[in-house]
């Protein structure tokens, strides 16, 4: 199994998978970031993961010198 983190600047290349765990817990997983988050509500884990993906892409843009206004 690979632990490679995506270097894509396209947000549509990132999947957010959400599962209910028990009665009141949810888990969100992004395979492209190899990251899992947990929370109490579906929307909570979805929003947290979306923020992580956006943050990852913004950091990649800084590292590569990509102008965000060009995307």
PDB file of N, CA and C in Angstrom:
ATOM      1  N   UNK A   1       0.839  -1.185   0.000  1.00  0.00           N
ATOM      2  CA  UNK A   1       0.000   0.000   0.000  1.00  0.00           C
ATOM      3  C   UNK A   1       0.881   1.244   0.000  1.00  0.00           C
ATOM      4  N   UNK A   2       0.538   2.201  -0.811  1.00  0.00           N
ATOM      5  CA  UNK A   2       1.317   3.415  -0.957  1.00  0.00           C
ATOM      6  C   UNK A   2       0.839   4.501  -0.007  1.00  0.00           C
ATOM      7  N   UNK A   3       1.784   5.276   0.510  1.00  0.00           N
ATOM      8  CA  UNK A   3       1.452   6.406   1.374  1.00  0.00           C
ATOM      9  C   UNK A   3       1.669   7.728   0.657  1.00  0.00           C
ATOM     10  N   UNK A   4       1.641   7.709  -0.678  1.00  0.00           N
ATOM     11  CA  UNK A   4       1.863   8.916  -1.451  1.00  0.00           C
ATOM     12  C   UNK A   4       0.716   9.899  -1.263  1.00  0.00           C
ATOM     13  N   UNK A   5       1.066  11.154  -1.139  1.00  0.00           N
ATOM     14  CA  UNK A   5       0.087  12.228  -1.008  1.00  0.00           C
ATOM     15  C   UNK A   5      -0.044  12.896  -2.379  1.00  0.00           C
ATOM     16  N   UNK A   6      -1.269  13.180  -2.772  1.00  0.00           N
ATOM     17  CA  UNK A   6      -1.520  13.773  -4.083  1.00  0.00           C
ATOM     18  C   UNK A   6      -0.875  15.144  -4.215  1.00  0.00           C
ATOM     19  N   UNK A   7      -0.397  15.435  -5.415  1.00  0.00           N
ATOM     20  CA  UNK A   7       0.122  16.764  -5.706  1.00  0.00           C
ATOM     21  C   UNK A   7      -0.762  17.486  -6.725  1.00  0.00           C
ATOM     22  N   UNK A   8      -2.001  17.033  -6.853  1.00  0.00           N
ATOM     23  CA  UNK A   8      -2.939  17.649  -7.789  1.00  0.00           C
ATOM     24  C   UNK A   8      -3.453  18.978  -7.235  1.00  0.00           C
ATOM     25  N   UNK A   9      -3.576  19.948  -8.121  1.00  0.00           N
ATOM     26  CA  UNK A   9      -4.139  21.247  -7.753  1.00  0.00           C
ATOM     27  C   UNK A   9      -5.630  21.328  -8.075  1.00  0.00           C
ATOM     28  N   UNK A  10      -6.181  20.241  -8.610  1.00  0.00           N
ATOM     29  CA  UNK A  10      -7.596  20.191  -8.979  1.00  0.00           C
ATOM     30  C   UNK A  10      -8.393  19.557  -7.836  1.00  0.00           C
ATOM     31  N   UNK A  11      -9.261  20.333  -7.223  1.00  0.00           N
ATOM     32  CA  UNK A  11     -10.028  19.847  -6.080  1.00  0.00           C
ATOM     33  C   UNK A  11     -10.894  18.643  -6.436  1.00  0.00           C
ATOM     34  N   UNK A  12     -11.275  18.520  -7.693  1.00  0.00           N
ATOM     35  CA  UNK A  12     -12.110  17.389  -8.121  1.00  0.00           C
ATOM     36  C   UNK A  12     -11.346  16.066  -8.141  1.00  0.00           C
ATOM     37  N   UNK A  13     -10.036  16.106  -7.989  1.00  0.00           N
ATOM     38  CA  UNK A  13      -9.236  14.890  -7.932  1.00  0.00           C
ATOM     39  C   UNK A  13      -9.204  14.261  -6.539  1.00  0.00           C
ATOM     40  N   UNK A  14      -9.817  14.920  -5.574  1.00  0.00           N
ATOM     41  CA  UNK A  14      -9.800  14.450  -4.188  1.00  0.00           C
ATOM     42  C   UNK A  14     -11.167  13.884  -3.809  1.00  0.00           C
ATOM     43  N   UNK A  15     -11.159  12.656  -3.293  1.00  0.00           N
ATOM     44  CA  UNK A  15     -12.396  12.013  -2.842  1.00  0.00           C
ATOM     45  C   UNK A  15     -12.560  12.226  -1.340  1.00  0.00           C
ATOM     46  N   UNK A  16     -13.790  12.405  -0.918  1.00  0.00           N
ATOM     47  CA  UNK A  16     -14.109  12.459   0.507  1.00  0.00           C
ATOM     48  C   UNK A  16     -15.130  11.359   0.767  1.00  0.00           C
ATOM     49  N   UNK A  17     -14.695  10.357   1.515  1.00  0.00           N
ATOM     50  CA  UNK A  17     -15.545   9.220   1.853  1.00  0.00           C
ATOM     51  C   UNK A  17     -15.997   9.369   3.298  1.00  0.00           C
ATOM     52  N   UNK A  18     -17.298   9.180   3.534  1.00  0.00           N
ATOM     53  CA  UNK A  18     -17.840   9.361   4.880  1.00  0.00           C
ATOM     54  C   UNK A  18     -18.605   8.120   5.290  1.00  0.00           C
ATOM     55  N   UNK A  19     -18.350   7.683   6.512  1.00  0.00           N
ATOM     56  CA  UNK A  19     -19.053   6.529   7.077  1.00  0.00           C
ATOM     57  C   UNK A  19     -19.563   6.857   8.460  1.00  0.00           C
ATOM     58  N   UNK A  20     -20.710   6.298   8.742  1.00  0.00           N
ATOM     59  CA  UNK A  20     -21.256   6.404  10.088  1.00  0.00           C
ATOM     60  C   UNK A  20     -20.620   5.316  10.930  1.00  0.00           C
ATOM     61  N   UNK A  21     -20.163   5.700  12.117  1.00  0.00           N
ATOM     62  CA  UNK A  21     -19.527   4.757  13.039  1.00  0.00           C
ATOM     63  C   UNK A  21     -20.307   4.785  14.349  1.00  0.00           C
ATOM     64  N   UNK A  22     -21.149   3.790  14.551  1.00  0.00           N
ATOM     65  CA  UNK A  22     -21.970   3.773  15.754  1.00  0.00           C
ATOM     66  C   UNK A  22     -23.177   4.674  15.612  1.00  0.00           C
ATOM     67  N   UNK A  23     -23.727   5.054  16.734  1.00  0.00           N
ATOM     68  CA  UNK A  23     -24.950   5.860  16.733  1.00  0.00           C
ATOM     69  C   UNK A  23     -24.701   7.346  16.462  1.00  0.00           C
ATOM     70  N   UNK A  24     -23.592   7.872  16.970  1.00  0.00           N
ATOM     71  CA  UNK A  24     -23.395   9.328  16.885  1.00  0.00           C
ATOM     72  C   UNK A  24     -22.030   9.739  16.355  1.00  0.00           C
ATOM     73  N   UNK A  25     -21.281   8.814  15.791  1.00  0.00           N
ATOM     74  CA  UNK A  25     -19.947   9.151  15.291  1.00  0.00           C
ATOM     75  C   UNK A  25     -19.860   8.947  13.787  1.00  0.00           C
ATOM     76  N   UNK A  26     -19.091   9.821  13.147  1.00  0.00           N
ATOM     77  CA  UNK A  26     -18.847   9.737  11.713  1.00  0.00           C
ATOM     78  C   UNK A  26     -17.348   9.822  11.471  1.00  0.00           C
ATOM     79  N   UNK A  27     -16.913   9.182  10.404  1.00  0.00           N
ATOM     80  CA  UNK A  27     -15.516   9.244   9.991  1.00  0.00           C
ATOM     81  C   UNK A  27     -15.462   9.667   8.530  1.00  0.00           C
ATOM     82  N   UNK A  28     -14.507  10.524   8.238  1.00  0.00           N
ATOM     83  CA  UNK A  28     -14.290  10.994   6.879  1.00  0.00           C
ATOM     84  C   UNK A  28     -12.872  10.614   6.481  1.00  0.00           C
ATOM     85  N   UNK A  29     -12.714  10.072   5.264  1.00  0.00           N
ATOM     86  CA  UNK A  29     -11.408   9.640   4.784  1.00  0.00           C
ATOM     87  C   UNK A  29     -11.149  10.192   3.389  1.00  0.00           C
ATOM     88  N   UNK A  30      -9.954  10.692   3.182  1.00  0.00           N
ATOM     89  CA  UNK A  30      -9.523  11.148   1.865  1.00  0.00           C
ATOM     90  C   UNK A  30      -8.317  10.301   1.461  1.00  0.00           C
ATOM     91  N   UNK A  31      -8.507   9.360   0.519  1.00  0.00           N
ATOM     92  CA  UNK A  31      -7.402   8.493   0.110  1.00  0.00           C
ATOM     93  C   UNK A  31      -6.216   9.257  -0.483  1.00  0.00           C
ATOM     94  N   UNK A  32      -6.473  10.342  -1.170  1.00  0.00           N
ATOM     95  CA  UNK A  32      -5.406  11.105  -1.811  1.00  0.00           C
ATOM     96  C   UNK A  32      -4.501  11.801  -0.796  1.00  0.00           C
ATOM     97  N   UNK A  33      -5.024  12.060   0.400  1.00  0.00           N
ATOM     98  CA  UNK A  33      -4.217  12.658   1.467  1.00  0.00           C
ATOM     99  C   UNK A  33      -3.838  11.640   2.528  1.00  0.00           C
ATOM    100  N   UNK A  34      -4.380  10.425   2.404  1.00  0.00           N
ATOM    101  CA  UNK A  34      -4.183   9.383   3.410  1.00  0.00           C
ATOM    102  C   UNK A  34      -4.516   9.943   4.802  1.00  0.00           C
ATOM    103  N   UNK A  35      -5.698  10.547   4.900  1.00  0.00           N
ATOM    104  CA  UNK A  35      -6.107  11.244   6.114  1.00  0.00           C
ATOM    105  C   UNK A  35      -7.518  10.831   6.515  1.00  0.00           C
ATOM    106  N   UNK A  36      -7.698  10.568   7.818  1.00  0.00           N
ATOM    107  CA  UNK A  36      -9.016  10.259   8.351  1.00  0.00           C
ATOM    108  C   UNK A  36      -9.315  11.229   9.487  1.00  0.00           C
ATOM    109  N   UNK A  37     -10.553  11.727   9.504  1.00  0.00           N
ATOM    110  CA  UNK A  37     -11.032  12.614  10.553  1.00  0.00           C
ATOM    111  C   UNK A  37     -12.310  12.033  11.145  1.00  0.00           C
ATOM    112  N   UNK A  38     -12.564  12.313  12.401  1.00  0.00           N
ATOM    113  CA  UNK A  38     -13.792  11.840  13.043  1.00  0.00           C
ATOM    114  C   UNK A  38     -14.540  13.011  13.651  1.00  0.00           C
ATOM    115  N   UNK A  39     -15.850  12.835  13.804  1.00  0.00           N
ATOM    116  CA  UNK A  39     -16.691  13.853  14.401  1.00  0.00           C
ATOM    117  C   UNK A  39     -18.050  13.274  14.729  1.00  0.00           C
ATOM    118  N   UNK A  40     -18.924  14.122  15.231  1.00  0.00           N
ATOM    119  CA  UNK A  40     -20.244  13.687  15.685  1.00  0.00           C
ATOM    120  C   UNK A  40     -21.329  13.825  14.630  1.00  0.00           C
ATOM    121  N   UNK A  41     -21.075  14.611  13.587  1.00  0.00           N
ATOM    122  CA  UNK A  41     -22.095  14.878  12.577  1.00  0.00           C
ATOM    123  C   UNK A  41     -21.519  14.709  11.176  1.00  0.00           C
ATOM    124  N   UNK A  42     -22.368  14.251  10.260  1.00  0.00           N
ATOM    125  CA  UNK A  42     -21.956  14.066   8.865  1.00  0.00           C
ATOM    126  C   UNK A  42     -21.383  15.359   8.295  1.00  0.00           C
ATOM    127  N   UNK A  43     -22.105  16.454   8.471  1.00  0.00           N
ATOM    128  CA  UNK A  43     -21.670  17.738   7.920  1.00  0.00           C
ATOM    129  C   UNK A  43     -20.350  18.185   8.532  1.00  0.00           C
ATOM    130  N   UNK A  44     -20.146  17.876   9.802  1.00  0.00           N
ATOM    131  CA  UNK A  44     -18.918  18.258  10.492  1.00  0.00           C
ATOM    132  C   UNK A  44     -17.701  17.604   9.846  1.00  0.00           C
ATOM    133  N   UNK A  45     -17.744  16.287   9.636  1.00  0.00           N
ATOM    134  CA  UNK A  45     -16.588  15.604   9.058  1.00  0.00           C
ATOM    135  C   UNK A  45     -16.415  15.950   7.583  1.00  0.00           C
ATOM    136  N   UNK A  46     -17.517  16.183   6.892  1.00  0.00           N
ATOM    137  CA  UNK A  46     -17.434  16.594   5.488  1.00  0.00           C
ATOM    138  C   UNK A  46     -16.755  17.962   5.375  1.00  0.00           C
ATOM    139  N   UNK A  47     -17.180  18.906   6.184  1.00  0.00           N
ATOM    140  CA  UNK A  47     -16.599  20.253   6.143  1.00  0.00           C
ATOM    141  C   UNK A  47     -15.142  20.270   6.588  1.00  0.00           C
ATOM    142  N   UNK A  48     -14.826  19.509   7.634  1.00  0.00           N
ATOM    143  CA  UNK A  48     -13.439  19.437   8.106  1.00  0.00           C
ATOM    144  C   UNK A  48     -12.522  18.896   7.011  1.00  0.00           C
ATOM    145  N   UNK A  49     -12.960  17.836   6.351  1.00  0.00           N
ATOM    146  CA  UNK A  49     -12.122  17.234   5.317  1.00  0.00           C
ATOM    147  C   UNK A  49     -11.998  18.166   4.114  1.00  0.00           C
ATOM    148  N   UNK A  50     -13.083  18.818   3.738  1.00  0.00           N
ATOM    149  CA  UNK A  50     -13.033  19.777   2.633  1.00  0.00           C
ATOM    150  C   UNK A  50     -12.004  20.869   2.944  1.00  0.00           C
ATOM    151  N   UNK A  51     -12.017  21.364   4.184  1.00  0.00           N
ATOM    152  CA  UNK A  51     -11.054  22.390   4.588  1.00  0.00           C
ATOM    153  C   UNK A  51      -9.621  21.870   4.504  1.00  0.00           C
ATOM    154  N   UNK A  52      -9.402  20.612   4.880  1.00  0.00           N
ATOM    155  CA  UNK A  52      -8.064  20.015   4.794  1.00  0.00           C
ATOM    156  C   UNK A  52      -7.607  19.908   3.343  1.00  0.00           C
ATOM    157  N   UNK A  53      -8.514  19.517   2.456  1.00  0.00           N
ATOM    158  CA  UNK A  53      -8.180  19.403   1.034  1.00  0.00           C
ATOM    159  C   UNK A  53      -7.823  20.774   0.469  1.00  0.00           C
ATOM    160  N   UNK A  54      -8.638  21.777   0.763  1.00  0.00           N
ATOM    161  CA  UNK A  54      -8.383  23.137   0.276  1.00  0.00           C
ATOM    162  C   UNK A  54      -7.046  23.646   0.820  1.00  0.00           C
ATOM    163  N   UNK A  55      -6.791  23.404   2.091  1.00  0.00           N
ATOM    164  CA  UNK A  55      -5.528  23.824   2.701  1.00  0.00           C
ATOM    165  C   UNK A  55      -4.336  23.135   2.028  1.00  0.00           C
ATOM    166  N   UNK A  56      -4.475  21.859   1.740  1.00  0.00           N
ATOM    167  CA  UNK A  56      -3.418  21.105   1.061  1.00  0.00           C
ATOM    168  C   UNK A  56      -3.137  21.703  -0.321  1.00  0.00           C
ATOM    169  N   UNK A  57      -4.181  21.992  -1.070  1.00  0.00           N
ATOM    170  CA  UNK A  57      -4.014  22.569  -2.407  1.00  0.00           C
ATOM    171  C   UNK A  57      -3.376  23.952  -2.325  1.00  0.00           C
ATOM    172  N   UNK A  58      -3.794  24.766  -1.361  1.00  0.00           N
ATOM    173  CA  UNK A  58      -3.200  26.098  -1.202  1.00  0.00           C
ATOM    174  C   UNK A  58      -1.715  26.001  -0.873  1.00  0.00           C
ATOM    175  N   UNK A  59      -1.346  25.037  -0.031  1.00  0.00           N
ATOM    176  CA  UNK A  59       0.063  24.838   0.304  1.00  0.00           C
ATOM    177  C   UNK A  59       0.860  24.385  -0.921  1.00  0.00           C
ATOM    178  N   UNK A  60       0.282  23.494  -1.723  1.00  0.00           N
ATOM    179  CA  UNK A  60       0.946  23.071  -2.961  1.00  0.00           C
ATOM    180  C   UNK A  60       1.175  24.256  -3.894  1.00  0.00           C
ATOM    181  N   UNK A  61       0.184  25.126  -3.993  1.00  0.00           N
ATOM    182  CA  UNK A  61       0.313  26.300  -4.860  1.00  0.00           C
ATOM    183  C   UNK A  61       1.437  27.207  -4.382  1.00  0.00           C
ATOM    184  N   UNK A  62       1.574  27.356  -3.067  1.00  0.00           N
ATOM    185  CA  UNK A  62       2.674  28.163  -2.525  1.00  0.00           C
ATOM    186  C   UNK A  62       4.019  27.535  -2.855  1.00  0.00           C
ATOM    187  N   UNK A  63       4.099  26.219  -2.682  1.00  0.00           N
ATOM    188  CA  UNK A  63       5.354  25.523  -2.918  1.00  0.00           C
ATOM    189  C   UNK A  63       5.765  25.526  -4.388  1.00  0.00           C
ATOM    190  N   UNK A  64       4.785  25.481  -5.272  1.00  0.00           N
ATOM    191  CA  UNK A  64       5.085  25.421  -6.710  1.00  0.00           C
ATOM    192  C   UNK A  64       5.079  26.804  -7.372  1.00  0.00           C
ATOM    193  N   UNK A  65       4.659  27.826  -6.624  1.00  0.00           N
ATOM    194  CA  UNK A  65       4.615  29.169  -7.199  1.00  0.00           C
ATOM    195  C   UNK A  65       3.450  29.353  -8.162  1.00  0.00           C
ATOM    196  N   UNK A  66       2.445  28.497  -8.070  1.00  0.00           N
ATOM    197  CA  UNK A  66       1.276  28.588  -8.943  1.00  0.00           C
ATOM    198  C   UNK A  66       0.386  29.729  -8.488  1.00  0.00           C
ATOM    199  N   UNK A  67      -0.019  30.563  -9.425  1.00  0.00           N
ATOM    200  CA  UNK A  67      -0.910  31.687  -9.122  1.00  0.00           C
ATOM    201  C   UNK A  67      -2.337  31.161  -9.007  1.00  0.00           C
ATOM    202  N   UNK A  68      -2.959  31.274  -7.821  1.00  0.00           N
ATOM    203  CA  UNK A  68      -4.332  30.775  -7.650  1.00  0.00           C
ATOM    204  C   UNK A  68      -5.346  31.403  -8.596  1.00  0.00           C
ATOM    205  N   UNK A  69      -5.113  32.607  -9.066  1.00  0.00           N
ATOM    206  CA  UNK A  69      -6.070  33.251  -9.963  1.00  0.00           C
ATOM    207  C   UNK A  69      -6.057  32.638 -11.362  1.00  0.00           C
ATOM    208  N   UNK A  70      -5.061  31.807 -11.666  1.00  0.00           N
ATOM    209  CA  UNK A  70      -4.987  31.159 -12.983  1.00  0.00           C
ATOM    210  C   UNK A  70      -5.793  29.884 -13.042  1.00  0.00           C
ATOM    211  N   UNK A  71      -6.309  29.388 -11.923  1.00  0.00           N
ATOM    212  CA  UNK A  71      -7.052  28.111 -11.894  1.00  0.00           C
ATOM    213  C   UNK A  71      -8.519  28.312 -11.856  1.00  0.00           C
TER     214      UNK A  71
END
